[in-house]
């Protein structure tokens, strides 16, 4: 299938499985009249494949190729997994990592899972499911930098167009989103 066919199908799945018109309080604390729960799509077999193909296509365009993809748990987890799987199948492995919200409470006390194969100084892409204010991506960027990784881009499934792009890009990390709120609310 082509990238455009994959993109159209992923949007159809997101609209059907993940999008709701209702009042909600977002992770940012803001109230909204719509909600997009990308995990509902990314955790389906078809959604996982589509997310992996579409975002790996974007990752592959970043040169030199990055060593890792990941973001703040839980929203980024299935997306990073899908990209890592796709990258391996395409013969250009990019490992996934998970940024914890708090350090591990026992053992090594680590903030980032999956670092063993992603050495210090590695170029990485921060992954986000939905960007609103950019808070989750900013935490992941900050933690990556503190752990000696170099975030070179942020990739998201959906940008709600509520200031997140500007906040992320103010940190020197360009944001690319597959979709925006305009794809759900014309």
Protein backbone atom coordinates (compact mmCIF):
# COMPACT_ATOMS: atom_id res chain seq x y z
CA UNK A 1 0.00 0.00 0.00
CA UNK A 2 1.06 3.59 -0.52
CA UNK A 3 1.76 6.08 2.25
CA UNK A 4 -1.32 8.09 1.23
CA UNK A 5 -3.53 4.98 1.35
CA UNK A 6 -2.11 4.12 4.80
CA UNK A 7 -2.66 7.69 5.97
CA UNK A 8 -6.29 7.72 4.80
CA UNK A 9 -6.97 4.38 6.49
CA UNK A 10 -5.32 5.47 9.76
CA UNK A 11 -7.43 8.62 9.79
CA UNK A 12 -10.54 6.51 9.24
CA UNK A 13 -9.58 4.30 12.20
CA UNK A 14 -8.79 7.30 14.41
CA UNK A 15 -12.14 8.91 13.55
CA UNK A 16 -14.01 5.66 14.22
CA UNK A 17 -12.17 4.25 17.25
CA UNK A 18 -10.41 7.19 18.92
CA UNK A 19 -12.37 10.40 18.35
CA UNK A 20 -15.27 11.51 20.57
CA UNK A 21 -17.29 14.72 20.66
CA UNK A 22 -17.82 15.30 24.38
CA UNK A 23 -16.62 17.50 27.24
CA UNK A 24 -13.38 16.25 28.79
CA UNK A 25 -10.54 17.53 30.95
CA UNK A 26 -7.25 16.96 29.15
CA UNK A 27 -3.89 16.02 30.69
CA UNK A 28 -3.00 19.72 30.40
CA UNK A 29 -5.90 20.55 32.74
CA UNK A 30 -7.74 22.34 29.93
CA UNK A 31 -11.37 21.58 29.15
CA UNK A 32 -12.21 20.49 25.62
CA UNK A 33 -15.33 19.59 23.68
CA UNK A 34 -13.57 16.71 21.89
CA UNK A 35 -11.22 13.89 22.77
CA UNK A 36 -8.84 11.72 20.76
CA UNK A 37 -7.59 8.58 22.50
CA UNK A 38 -5.02 7.31 20.00
CA UNK A 39 -4.28 4.19 22.07
CA UNK A 40 -7.65 2.80 20.98
CA UNK A 41 -6.33 2.77 17.43
CA UNK A 42 -2.60 2.17 17.96
CA UNK A 43 -3.28 -0.95 20.04
CA UNK A 44 -5.29 -2.65 17.29
CA UNK A 45 -3.31 -4.90 14.98
CA UNK A 46 -4.14 -2.82 11.90
CA UNK A 47 -3.59 0.48 13.67
CA UNK A 48 -0.20 -0.68 14.97
CA UNK A 49 0.92 -1.54 11.44
CA UNK A 50 -0.32 1.75 9.98
CA UNK A 51 1.21 3.88 12.76
CA UNK A 52 4.51 2.04 12.36
CA UNK A 53 4.64 2.47 8.59
CA UNK A 54 3.60 6.12 8.57
CA UNK A 55 5.86 7.29 11.37
CA UNK A 56 8.83 5.19 10.29
CA UNK A 57 8.53 6.87 6.89
CA UNK A 58 9.00 10.20 8.72
CA UNK A 59 11.81 8.84 10.92
CA UNK A 60 13.65 7.47 7.87
CA UNK A 61 13.66 10.95 6.33
CA UNK A 62 15.63 12.34 9.29
CA UNK A 63 19.30 12.05 8.40
CA UNK A 64 21.55 10.84 9.71
CA UNK A 65 19.14 8.13 10.86
CA UNK A 66 18.22 8.30 14.53
CA UNK A 67 19.03 5.53 17.01
CA UNK A 68 15.84 5.59 19.06
CA UNK A 69 12.19 6.62 19.21
CA UNK A 70 10.14 7.05 22.35
CA UNK A 71 8.34 9.36 24.66
CA UNK A 72 6.49 9.75 27.90
CA UNK A 73 4.64 6.64 28.99
CA UNK A 74 1.79 5.66 28.28
CA UNK A 75 0.70 7.52 25.16
CA UNK A 76 3.97 7.07 23.30
CA UNK A 77 4.52 3.41 24.18
CA UNK A 78 2.51 1.60 21.46
CA UNK A 79 3.59 4.17 18.88
CA UNK A 80 7.30 3.75 19.63
CA UNK A 81 6.84 -0.03 19.57
CA UNK A 82 5.16 0.15 16.16
CA UNK A 83 7.96 2.30 14.73
CA UNK A 84 10.67 0.02 16.12
CA UNK A 85 9.00 -3.10 14.72
CA UNK A 86 8.53 -1.50 11.31
CA UNK A 87 12.11 -0.23 11.23
CA UNK A 88 13.44 -3.73 11.83
CA UNK A 89 11.21 -5.23 9.14
CA UNK A 90 12.46 -2.51 6.74
CA UNK A 91 16.11 -3.38 7.49
CA UNK A 92 16.93 -0.10 9.25
CA UNK A 93 16.49 -0.83 12.98
CA UNK A 94 15.58 2.05 15.29
CA UNK A 95 15.04 0.93 18.87
CA UNK A 96 12.19 2.10 21.09
CA UNK A 97 12.52 3.64 24.55
CA UNK A 98 10.05 4.62 27.25
CA UNK A 99 10.36 7.73 29.41
CA UNK A 100 8.93 7.16 32.87
CA UNK A 101 6.86 9.83 34.61
CA UNK A 102 8.90 9.15 37.76
CA UNK A 103 12.16 7.24 38.16
CA UNK A 104 11.93 3.53 38.75
CA UNK A 105 11.32 3.04 42.47
CA UNK A 106 13.69 0.11 42.84
CA UNK A 107 16.70 -1.48 41.20
CA UNK A 108 18.54 1.02 39.02
CA UNK A 109 16.12 3.91 39.56
CA UNK A 110 16.23 4.69 35.86
CA UNK A 111 14.07 7.24 34.07
CA UNK A 112 14.32 5.74 30.60
CA UNK A 113 13.68 2.10 29.71
CA UNK A 114 15.42 0.71 26.63
CA UNK A 115 18.71 2.65 26.94
CA UNK A 116 21.02 -0.36 26.71
CA UNK A 117 21.02 -0.22 22.89
CA UNK A 118 20.83 3.59 22.62
CA UNK A 119 24.22 5.01 23.65
CA UNK A 120 24.85 8.45 25.14
CA UNK A 121 24.89 11.14 22.47
CA UNK A 122 22.44 9.28 20.22
CA UNK A 123 20.02 11.21 18.04
CA UNK A 124 16.45 10.31 19.01
CA UNK A 125 12.90 11.20 18.02
CA UNK A 126 10.36 11.98 20.71
CA UNK A 127 6.99 10.38 19.98
CA UNK A 128 3.62 11.74 21.09
CA UNK A 129 0.09 10.53 20.53
CA UNK A 130 -1.80 13.82 20.88
CA UNK A 131 -0.17 17.25 21.30
CA UNK A 132 -2.19 19.90 23.13
CA UNK A 133 0.10 22.20 25.13
CA UNK A 134 3.13 19.99 24.46
CA UNK A 135 3.61 19.15 28.14
CA UNK A 136 4.27 15.41 27.71
CA UNK A 137 6.64 15.91 24.80
CA UNK A 138 8.48 18.67 26.68
CA UNK A 139 8.97 16.37 29.68
CA UNK A 140 10.29 13.64 27.38
CA UNK A 141 12.64 16.10 25.62
CA UNK A 142 13.95 17.37 28.95
CA UNK A 143 14.47 13.84 30.30
CA UNK A 144 16.21 12.71 27.08
CA UNK A 145 18.61 15.64 27.29
CA UNK A 146 19.27 14.97 30.98
CA UNK A 147 20.06 11.35 30.05
CA UNK A 148 22.54 12.47 27.33
CA UNK A 149 20.32 11.79 24.33
CA UNK A 150 19.80 14.34 21.54
CA UNK A 151 16.13 14.88 20.54
CA UNK A 152 16.19 15.96 16.89
CA UNK A 153 12.45 15.85 16.17
CA UNK A 154 9.05 15.22 17.71
CA UNK A 155 6.52 13.14 15.79
CA UNK A 156 2.86 13.07 16.77
CA UNK A 157 -0.24 11.38 15.50
CA UNK A 158 -2.50 14.39 16.23
CA UNK A 159 -1.80 18.08 16.89
CA UNK A 160 -4.81 19.74 18.54
CA UNK A 161 -3.41 23.15 17.41
CA UNK A 162 -3.53 24.55 20.95
CA UNK A 163 0.02 25.85 21.36
CA UNK A 164 1.94 22.60 21.71
CA UNK A 165 3.83 22.96 18.45
CA UNK A 166 5.10 26.39 19.43
CA UNK A 167 6.17 25.20 22.90
CA UNK A 168 8.02 22.17 21.53
CA UNK A 169 9.69 24.08 18.71
CA UNK A 170 10.77 26.78 21.21
CA UNK A 171 13.00 24.03 22.66
CA UNK A 172 14.69 23.60 19.27
CA UNK A 173 12.81 20.41 18.39
CA UNK A 174 10.70 20.52 15.20
CA UNK A 175 7.26 18.89 15.41
CA UNK A 176 5.60 16.92 12.62
CA UNK A 177 2.06 15.63 13.11
CA UNK A 178 0.27 13.21 10.83
CA UNK A 179 -3.08 14.90 11.57
CA UNK A 180 -4.47 18.03 13.20
CA UNK A 181 -7.78 18.92 14.81
CA UNK A 182 -8.88 20.07 11.33
CA UNK A 183 -8.91 16.43 10.23
CA UNK A 184 -11.53 15.71 12.90
CA UNK A 185 -13.42 19.01 13.26
CA UNK A 186 -13.56 20.85 9.93
